[in-house]
């Protein structure tokens, strides 16, 4: 482990990943980001793994890793206690004792271009010209709306902005930031000021009220704040927030270099992903030319595949979801949750070697697939 000044911090590695997998891409109920450690801590030795298990934690310690980058959150549901811990909590305490930081990129990595799970799976299967199966909706991009409001009218304006769609962050609504200051103005001829007199400078205690909003609803939010604001000419500002990177979206859709039967596609998936066998649903001799993929559990995207791909490769397909696929006319290959996500480990590690050239990057050698075929 390095004992000298760190040339790369945990924060620098996080910034590199988030250029292509910003947290804004994550689903609202997901838990991504730094889950253990300090941002300013050194991160010159980085281990990339799918998830934290006793074997992965041991691997990190034996390799003297300073940062463990994971796809699956080590903390997903709230921890009630750390007394007599088991599972991931026990491994986090073990890693904390050795100053190993843990960073998670989950559904934001699923949707990321270039380094995401969809990109990695499409590349592993040799799909040509892959594109997002479900592109990120530009309407999901956000902005920040700032209004300058007399203190006694803040609650009214905040409620109006919230009703128009502002202030939603994850599972929380009416989220806002407020900072008090002094506003000044000189009413011109013909003005009807809320306070003050025409031609005389007036100063008033105001609150800077900030709320995030979907960009597609920015006009509605501004109109709502103007309607609720006591001034005839309210002051406001709208700031665009970080754009989603180009090519972001869940899953990927591409074509095979050579058409295969569904049975051959299933065998191709097993061979490429290094598993002993996979399940498939549909007529074995169906000719497959175009393939949709989604790493992990992608059955919720079944309807988006209809009419766009001959087959869908994902994992964790349940009994009733297989029946639904048959009813929709979608051939499905279930190549397991683990195997369809495993390629992202090498993909992300390769990216970090380029983005953080001063770091030593290792890919976990631990196979965390819990199932075995007999």
Protein backbone atom coordinates (compact mmCIF):
# COMPACT_ATOMS: atom_id res chain seq x y z
CA UNK A 1 0.00 0.00 0.00
CA UNK A 2 1.27 3.46 -0.86
CA UNK A 3 2.70 5.42 2.08
CA UNK A 4 3.49 8.65 0.21
CA UNK A 5 1.14 11.46 -0.82
CA UNK A 6 -1.75 10.17 -2.90
CA UNK A 7 -1.86 11.38 -6.48
CA UNK A 8 -5.45 10.16 -6.88
CA UNK A 9 -8.24 10.41 -4.30
CA UNK A 10 -11.49 8.53 -3.92
CA UNK A 11 -13.26 11.72 -5.08
CA UNK A 12 -11.19 11.81 -8.29
CA UNK A 13 -12.12 8.21 -9.12
CA UNK A 14 -15.77 8.93 -8.39
CA UNK A 15 -15.67 11.93 -10.72
CA UNK A 16 -14.18 9.80 -13.50
CA UNK A 17 -16.96 7.20 -13.21
CA UNK A 18 -19.70 9.80 -12.89
CA UNK A 19 -18.71 11.52 -16.10
CA UNK A 20 -20.36 8.61 -17.90
CA UNK A 21 -22.55 7.24 -15.10
CA UNK A 22 -23.83 10.31 -13.22
CA UNK A 23 -26.01 9.52 -10.18
CA UNK A 24 -28.88 11.30 -11.97
CA UNK A 25 -29.13 8.23 -14.23
CA UNK A 26 -29.95 6.01 -11.23
CA UNK A 27 -33.50 4.95 -10.47
CA UNK A 28 -35.18 6.96 -7.74
CA UNK A 29 -35.10 4.21 -5.11
CA UNK A 30 -31.52 3.14 -5.82
CA UNK A 31 -28.58 3.66 -3.46
CA UNK A 32 -25.47 4.69 -5.36
CA UNK A 33 -22.34 6.62 -4.55
CA UNK A 34 -19.78 6.39 -1.76
CA UNK A 35 -21.04 3.90 0.83
CA UNK A 36 -17.91 3.58 2.96
CA UNK A 37 -14.89 5.79 3.54
CA UNK A 38 -13.87 9.39 2.88
CA UNK A 39 -13.78 11.26 -0.39
CA UNK A 40 -10.33 12.71 0.33
CA UNK A 41 -8.83 9.28 1.09
CA UNK A 42 -6.18 7.90 -1.30
CA UNK A 43 -7.32 5.55 -4.05
CA UNK A 44 -4.20 4.41 -5.87
CA UNK A 45 -5.11 0.71 -5.68
CA UNK A 46 -8.64 -0.03 -6.93
CA UNK A 47 -10.44 -3.36 -7.11
CA UNK A 48 -13.52 -3.58 -9.36
CA UNK A 49 -16.10 -6.26 -8.48
CA UNK A 50 -19.74 -7.04 -9.08
CA UNK A 51 -20.70 -7.15 -5.40
CA UNK A 52 -19.23 -7.50 -1.94
CA UNK A 53 -19.01 -11.02 -0.56
CA UNK A 54 -16.61 -12.54 2.01
CA UNK A 55 -14.45 -13.70 -0.89
CA UNK A 56 -14.40 -10.28 -2.56
CA UNK A 57 -13.60 -8.55 0.74
CA UNK A 58 -10.75 -10.98 1.34
CA UNK A 59 -9.47 -10.39 -2.17
CA UNK A 60 -9.50 -6.63 -1.59
CA UNK A 61 -7.55 -6.98 1.65
CA UNK A 62 -4.99 -9.39 0.22
CA UNK A 63 -4.39 -7.03 -2.70
CA UNK A 64 -4.16 -4.02 -0.34
CA UNK A 65 -6.92 -2.19 -2.19
CA UNK A 66 -7.74 1.31 -1.05
CA UNK A 67 -11.01 1.50 -2.98
CA UNK A 68 -13.52 -1.20 -3.88
CA UNK A 69 -15.77 -0.25 -6.80
CA UNK A 70 -18.98 -2.30 -6.91
CA UNK A 71 -22.00 -2.63 -9.17
CA UNK A 72 -24.43 -4.03 -6.60
CA UNK A 73 -24.98 -1.75 -3.58
CA UNK A 74 -23.38 -2.99 -0.39
CA UNK A 75 -26.08 -1.03 1.46
CA UNK A 76 -29.43 -1.09 -0.26
CA UNK A 77 -32.04 -1.16 2.50
CA UNK A 78 -31.56 0.82 5.74
CA UNK A 79 -29.32 -0.94 8.26
CA UNK A 80 -31.02 -1.29 11.63
CA UNK A 81 -27.94 -2.35 13.55
CA UNK A 82 -24.27 -3.20 13.18
CA UNK A 83 -24.29 -5.44 16.24
CA UNK A 84 -23.33 -9.02 15.38
CA UNK A 85 -23.43 -8.17 11.67
CA UNK A 86 -23.91 -10.67 8.88
CA UNK A 87 -23.78 -10.48 5.10
CA UNK A 88 -22.62 -7.27 3.46
CA UNK A 89 -22.70 -5.36 6.77
CA UNK A 90 -20.10 -7.71 8.23
CA UNK A 91 -17.87 -7.26 5.19
CA UNK A 92 -18.22 -3.48 5.32
CA UNK A 93 -17.02 -3.44 8.92
CA UNK A 94 -14.13 -5.66 7.93
CA UNK A 95 -13.18 -3.34 5.08
CA UNK A 96 -13.59 -0.25 7.28
CA UNK A 97 -11.11 -1.69 9.76
CA UNK A 98 -8.52 -1.68 6.97
CA UNK A 99 -9.47 1.76 5.57
CA UNK A 100 -10.89 0.38 2.32
CA UNK A 101 -13.46 2.73 0.77
CA UNK A 102 -16.48 1.34 -1.08
CA UNK A 103 -18.15 3.08 -4.04
CA UNK A 104 -21.25 1.82 -5.86
CA UNK A 105 -22.47 2.49 -9.42
CA UNK A 106 -25.68 0.49 -9.88
CA UNK A 107 -28.63 1.51 -12.08
CA UNK A 108 -26.69 4.58 -13.17
CA UNK A 109 -24.05 2.18 -14.53
CA UNK A 110 -26.80 0.08 -16.13
CA UNK A 111 -27.86 3.12 -18.16
CA UNK A 112 -24.39 4.52 -18.81
CA UNK A 113 -22.96 4.72 -22.35
CA UNK A 114 -19.56 3.20 -23.20
CA UNK A 115 -18.99 1.57 -19.79
CA UNK A 116 -22.48 0.38 -18.78
CA UNK A 117 -23.81 -3.13 -18.24
CA UNK A 118 -25.85 -2.97 -21.44
CA UNK A 119 -22.83 -1.87 -23.47
CA UNK A 120 -20.64 -4.54 -21.90
CA UNK A 121 -23.17 -7.34 -22.50
CA UNK A 122 -23.82 -6.30 -26.11
CA UNK A 123 -20.09 -6.23 -26.76
CA UNK A 124 -19.55 -9.61 -25.11
CA UNK A 125 -22.21 -11.17 -27.34
CA UNK A 126 -20.74 -9.52 -30.44
CA UNK A 127 -23.80 -7.43 -31.29
CA UNK A 128 -23.30 -4.90 -34.07
CA UNK A 129 -24.40 -1.25 -33.92
CA UNK A 130 -25.86 -1.42 -30.37
CA UNK A 131 -28.10 1.44 -29.27
CA UNK A 132 -30.09 2.03 -26.07
CA UNK A 133 -33.16 -0.15 -25.79
CA UNK A 134 -34.84 2.49 -23.62
CA UNK A 135 -33.09 5.84 -24.20
CA UNK A 136 -33.13 8.27 -21.33
CA UNK A 137 -36.07 10.62 -21.76
CA UNK A 138 -34.82 14.21 -22.25
CA UNK A 139 -37.78 15.22 -20.11
CA UNK A 140 -36.07 13.50 -17.19
CA UNK A 141 -33.21 16.00 -17.35
CA UNK A 142 -33.43 18.57 -14.63
CA UNK A 143 -32.93 22.25 -14.05
CA UNK A 144 -32.82 24.47 -10.98
CA UNK A 145 -35.37 27.28 -10.67
CA UNK A 146 -34.41 30.15 -8.38
CA UNK A 147 -36.91 32.76 -7.21
CA UNK A 148 -36.35 35.85 -5.03
CA UNK A 149 -39.35 36.17 -2.75
CA UNK A 150 -40.37 38.43 0.15
CA UNK A 151 -39.97 36.41 3.32
CA UNK A 152 -43.67 36.39 4.19
CA UNK A 153 -44.60 34.89 0.77
CA UNK A 154 -42.05 32.05 0.62
CA UNK A 155 -44.43 29.28 1.70
CA UNK A 156 -47.02 30.32 -0.89
CA UNK A 157 -44.52 30.48 -3.77
CA UNK A 158 -42.82 27.23 -2.72
CA UNK A 159 -46.16 25.39 -2.68
CA UNK A 160 -47.08 26.75 -6.11
CA UNK A 161 -43.75 25.69 -7.60
CA UNK A 162 -44.11 22.24 -6.04
CA UNK A 163 -47.63 21.85 -7.44
CA UNK A 164 -46.18 22.59 -10.91
CA UNK A 165 -43.64 19.77 -10.57
CA UNK A 166 -40.65 21.30 -8.78
CA UNK A 167 -38.89 20.03 -5.68
CA UNK A 168 -39.00 16.26 -6.22
CA UNK A 169 -35.78 14.44 -5.30
CA UNK A 170 -36.13 10.66 -5.13
CA UNK A 171 -38.92 9.82 -2.68
CA UNK A 172 -39.04 13.37 -1.26
CA UNK A 173 -41.25 16.24 -2.42
CA UNK A 174 -41.24 20.02 -1.86
CA UNK A 175 -37.44 19.93 -1.50
CA UNK A 176 -36.04 23.46 -1.44
CA UNK A 177 -33.12 25.60 -0.31
CA UNK A 178 -33.63 29.06 1.15
CA UNK A 179 -31.13 31.83 1.86
CA UNK A 180 -32.08 35.26 3.17
CA UNK A 181 -30.67 38.51 1.77
CA UNK A 182 -31.64 42.02 0.67
CA UNK A 183 -33.14 42.87 -2.68
CA UNK A 184 -33.15 46.37 -4.14
CA UNK A 185 -34.96 48.13 -7.02
CA UNK A 186 -36.21 51.47 -8.34
CA UNK A 187 -39.81 51.36 -9.68
CA UNK A 188 -40.13 53.12 -13.04
CA UNK A 189 -42.91 55.32 -14.37
CA UNK A 190 -46.13 53.34 -14.76
CA UNK A 191 -45.04 50.60 -12.33
CA UNK A 192 -47.30 49.38 -9.53
CA UNK A 193 -44.75 48.14 -6.99
CA UNK A 194 -45.68 45.73 -4.20
CA UNK A 195 -43.66 48.01 -1.88
CA UNK A 196 -41.96 51.37 -2.47
CA UNK A 197 -42.62 54.42 -4.61
CA UNK A 198 -42.03 55.20 -8.27
CA UNK A 199 -38.63 56.79 -8.80
CA UNK A 200 -37.28 55.95 -5.34
CA UNK A 201 -34.89 53.11 -4.53
CA UNK A 202 -36.42 50.48 -2.27
CA UNK A 203 -34.76 47.63 -0.39
CA UNK A 204 -36.57 44.65 1.10
CA UNK A 205 -35.64 41.45 2.90
CA UNK A 206 -36.01 38.62 0.37
CA UNK A 207 -35.38 34.89 0.35
CA UNK A 208 -33.51 33.13 -2.42
CA UNK A 209 -35.72 30.08 -3.00
CA UNK A 210 -34.18 27.21 -5.02
CA UNK A 211 -35.97 24.09 -6.27
CA UNK A 212 -35.05 21.46 -8.87
CA UNK A 213 -37.52 20.62 -11.62
CA UNK A 214 -37.72 18.49 -14.78
CA UNK A 215 -36.54 20.61 -17.70
CA UNK A 216 -39.72 19.78 -19.55
CA UNK A 217 -41.73 21.48 -16.80
CA UNK A 218 -39.54 24.57 -16.35
CA UNK A 219 -42.08 26.86 -18.04
CA UNK A 220 -44.92 25.59 -15.88
CA UNK A 221 -42.84 26.08 -12.71
CA UNK A 222 -41.88 29.63 -13.72
CA UNK A 223 -45.49 30.48 -14.53
CA UNK A 224 -46.61 29.09 -11.19
CA UNK A 225 -44.05 31.08 -9.21
CA UNK A 226 -44.99 34.24 -11.11
CA UNK A 227 -48.70 33.71 -10.39
CA UNK A 228 -48.05 33.19 -6.67
CA UNK A 229 -45.43 35.93 -6.34
CA UNK A 230 -46.61 39.31 -4.98
CA UNK A 231 -44.40 41.34 -7.35
CA UNK A 232 -45.72 42.36 -10.76
CA UNK A 233 -42.22 41.58 -12.16
CA UNK A 234 -40.74 38.76 -10.03
CA UNK A 235 -37.04 38.03 -10.40
CA UNK A 236 -36.14 34.42 -11.15
CA UNK A 237 -33.35 32.36 -12.71
CA UNK A 238 -33.29 28.94 -14.40
CA UNK A 239 -30.09 26.90 -14.45
CA UNK A 240 -29.71 23.71 -16.52
CA UNK A 241 -28.21 20.89 -14.47
CA UNK A 242 -25.83 18.22 -15.73
CA UNK A 243 -26.98 16.67 -19.00
CA UNK A 244 -27.24 12.93 -19.35
CA UNK A 245 -24.27 11.69 -21.38
CA UNK A 246 -25.02 10.95 -25.03
CA UNK A 247 -26.14 7.37 -25.59
CA UNK A 248 -27.47 6.85 -22.06
CA UNK A 249 -30.34 4.44 -21.59
CA UNK A 250 -31.34 1.05 -20.23
CA UNK A 251 -30.44 -2.08 -22.16
CA UNK A 252 -29.10 -2.27 -25.69
CA UNK A 253 -30.49 -3.28 -29.08
CA UNK A 254 -28.22 -4.63 -31.82
CA UNK A 255 -27.90 -7.19 -34.59
CA UNK A 256 -26.02 -10.43 -35.00
CA UNK A 257 -23.26 -10.63 -37.58
CA UNK A 258 -24.78 -13.94 -38.72
CA UNK A 259 -28.37 -15.05 -38.09
CA UNK A 260 -28.74 -17.84 -35.52
CA UNK A 261 -31.58 -20.06 -34.41
CA UNK A 262 -32.88 -19.39 -30.91
CA UNK A 263 -31.23 -22.60 -29.71
CA UNK A 264 -27.92 -21.49 -31.26
CA UNK A 265 -28.28 -18.05 -29.69
CA UNK A 266 -28.76 -19.65 -26.27
CA UNK A 267 -25.61 -21.74 -26.77
CA UNK A 268 -23.76 -18.64 -28.00
CA UNK A 269 -24.75 -16.77 -24.82
CA UNK A 270 -23.60 -19.63 -22.59
CA UNK A 271 -20.25 -19.79 -24.36
CA UNK A 272 -19.63 -16.03 -24.41
CA UNK A 273 -20.66 -15.53 -20.79
CA UNK A 274 -18.87 -18.58 -19.43
CA UNK A 275 -21.82 -20.36 -17.85
CA UNK A 276 -22.65 -24.05 -17.95
CA UNK A 277 -26.05 -23.51 -19.49
CA UNK A 278 -28.88 -21.02 -20.00
CA UNK A 279 -32.66 -21.19 -20.34
CA UNK A 280 -34.60 -20.04 -23.38
CA UNK A 281 -38.28 -19.50 -24.09
CA UNK A 282 -39.67 -19.77 -27.62
CA UNK A 283 -39.48 -22.05 -30.67
CA UNK A 284 -35.95 -23.47 -30.80
CA UNK A 285 -35.55 -22.99 -34.56
CA UNK A 286 -36.80 -19.38 -34.66
CA UNK A 287 -34.37 -17.34 -36.75
CA UNK A 288 -32.76 -14.55 -34.73
CA UNK A 289 -31.21 -11.54 -36.45
CA UNK A 290 -31.72 -8.73 -33.95
CA UNK A 291 -31.17 -9.03 -30.21
CA UNK A 292 -32.12 -6.84 -27.24
CA UNK A 293 -30.13 -7.21 -24.02
CA UNK A 294 -30.44 -6.01 -20.45
CA UNK A 295 -28.01 -7.11 -17.75
CA UNK A 296 -29.40 -8.37 -14.45
CA UNK A 297 -33.20 -8.52 -14.12
CA UNK A 298 -34.66 -7.03 -17.29
CA UNK A 299 -38.05 -8.71 -17.65
CA UNK A 300 -39.78 -5.38 -16.93
CA UNK A 301 -38.57 -4.25 -20.37
CA UNK A 302 -40.31 -7.08 -22.26
CA UNK A 303 -42.92 -4.87 -23.89
CA UNK A 304 -40.25 -2.47 -25.20
CA UNK A 305 -38.75 -5.35 -27.19
CA UNK A 306 -41.95 -6.24 -29.08
CA UNK A 307 -41.58 -5.53 -32.79
CA UNK A 308 -37.99 -4.31 -32.37
CA UNK A 309 -35.91 -7.45 -31.72
CA UNK A 310 -36.19 -11.14 -32.51
CA UNK A 311 -34.88 -12.14 -29.07
CA UNK A 312 -34.24 -10.68 -25.63
CA UNK A 313 -31.26 -11.72 -23.50
CA UNK A 314 -31.48 -10.95 -19.78
CA UNK A 315 -31.61 -12.72 -16.40
CA UNK A 316 -33.94 -13.59 -13.52
CA UNK A 317 -36.94 -14.30 -15.79
CA UNK A 318 -39.78 -15.68 -13.66
CA UNK A 319 -42.34 -18.30 -14.64
CA UNK A 320 -45.17 -15.84 -15.31
CA UNK A 321 -42.84 -13.46 -17.15
CA UNK A 322 -41.89 -16.30 -19.49
CA UNK A 323 -45.59 -16.88 -20.22
CA UNK A 324 -45.97 -13.16 -20.88
CA UNK A 325 -43.03 -13.26 -23.29
CA UNK A 326 -44.66 -16.12 -25.21
CA UNK A 327 -47.94 -14.18 -25.40
CA UNK A 328 -46.06 -11.13 -26.70
CA UNK A 329 -44.18 -13.23 -29.25
CA UNK A 330 -40.76 -12.42 -27.75
CA UNK A 331 -38.11 -15.13 -27.69
CA UNK A 332 -36.16 -14.92 -24.42
CA UNK A 333 -32.79 -16.21 -23.28
CA UNK A 334 -32.32 -16.19 -19.51
CA UNK A 335 -28.55 -16.23 -19.04
CA UNK A 336 -28.72 -15.51 -15.27
CA UNK A 337 -28.46 -12.25 -13.39
CA UNK A 338 -24.78 -12.69 -12.56
CA UNK A 339 -23.56 -13.73 -16.00
CA UNK A 340 -25.34 -10.90 -17.84
CA UNK A 341 -23.76 -8.33 -15.52
CA UNK A 342 -20.32 -9.86 -15.03
CA UNK A 343 -18.86 -8.35 -18.28
CA UNK A 344 -19.22 -4.85 -16.81
CA UNK A 345 -16.43 -5.56 -14.32
CA UNK A 346 -13.81 -5.79 -17.09
CA UNK A 347 -15.47 -2.92 -18.99
CA UNK A 348 -15.36 -0.55 -16.02
CA UNK A 349 -11.84 -1.61 -15.02
CA UNK A 350 -10.60 -0.94 -18.55
CA UNK A 351 -12.14 2.52 -18.50
CA UNK A 352 -10.56 3.35 -15.13
CA UNK A 353 -7.13 2.34 -16.40
CA UNK A 354 -7.47 5.07 -19.02
CA UNK A 355 -9.22 7.65 -16.84
CA UNK A 356 -6.96 7.16 -13.79
CA UNK A 357 -3.53 6.27 -15.25
CA UNK A 358 -1.76 6.82 -11.91
CA UNK A 359 -3.84 4.10 -10.24
CA UNK A 360 -3.37 0.35 -10.19
CA UNK A 361 -6.65 -1.27 -11.26
CA UNK A 362 -7.53 -4.92 -10.69
CA UNK A 363 -10.59 -6.91 -11.71
CA UNK A 364 -12.04 -9.24 -9.11
CA UNK A 365 -11.33 -12.88 -9.83
CA UNK A 366 -14.15 -14.02 -7.55
CA UNK A 367 -17.04 -15.72 -9.31
CA UNK A 368 -20.09 -14.80 -7.28
CA UNK A 369 -22.66 -16.84 -9.23
CA UNK A 370 -24.56 -18.62 -6.42
CA UNK A 371 -26.14 -21.31 -8.63
CA UNK A 372 -24.57 -24.45 -10.02
CA UNK A 373 -25.99 -26.88 -12.59
CA UNK A 374 -25.85 -30.63 -12.03
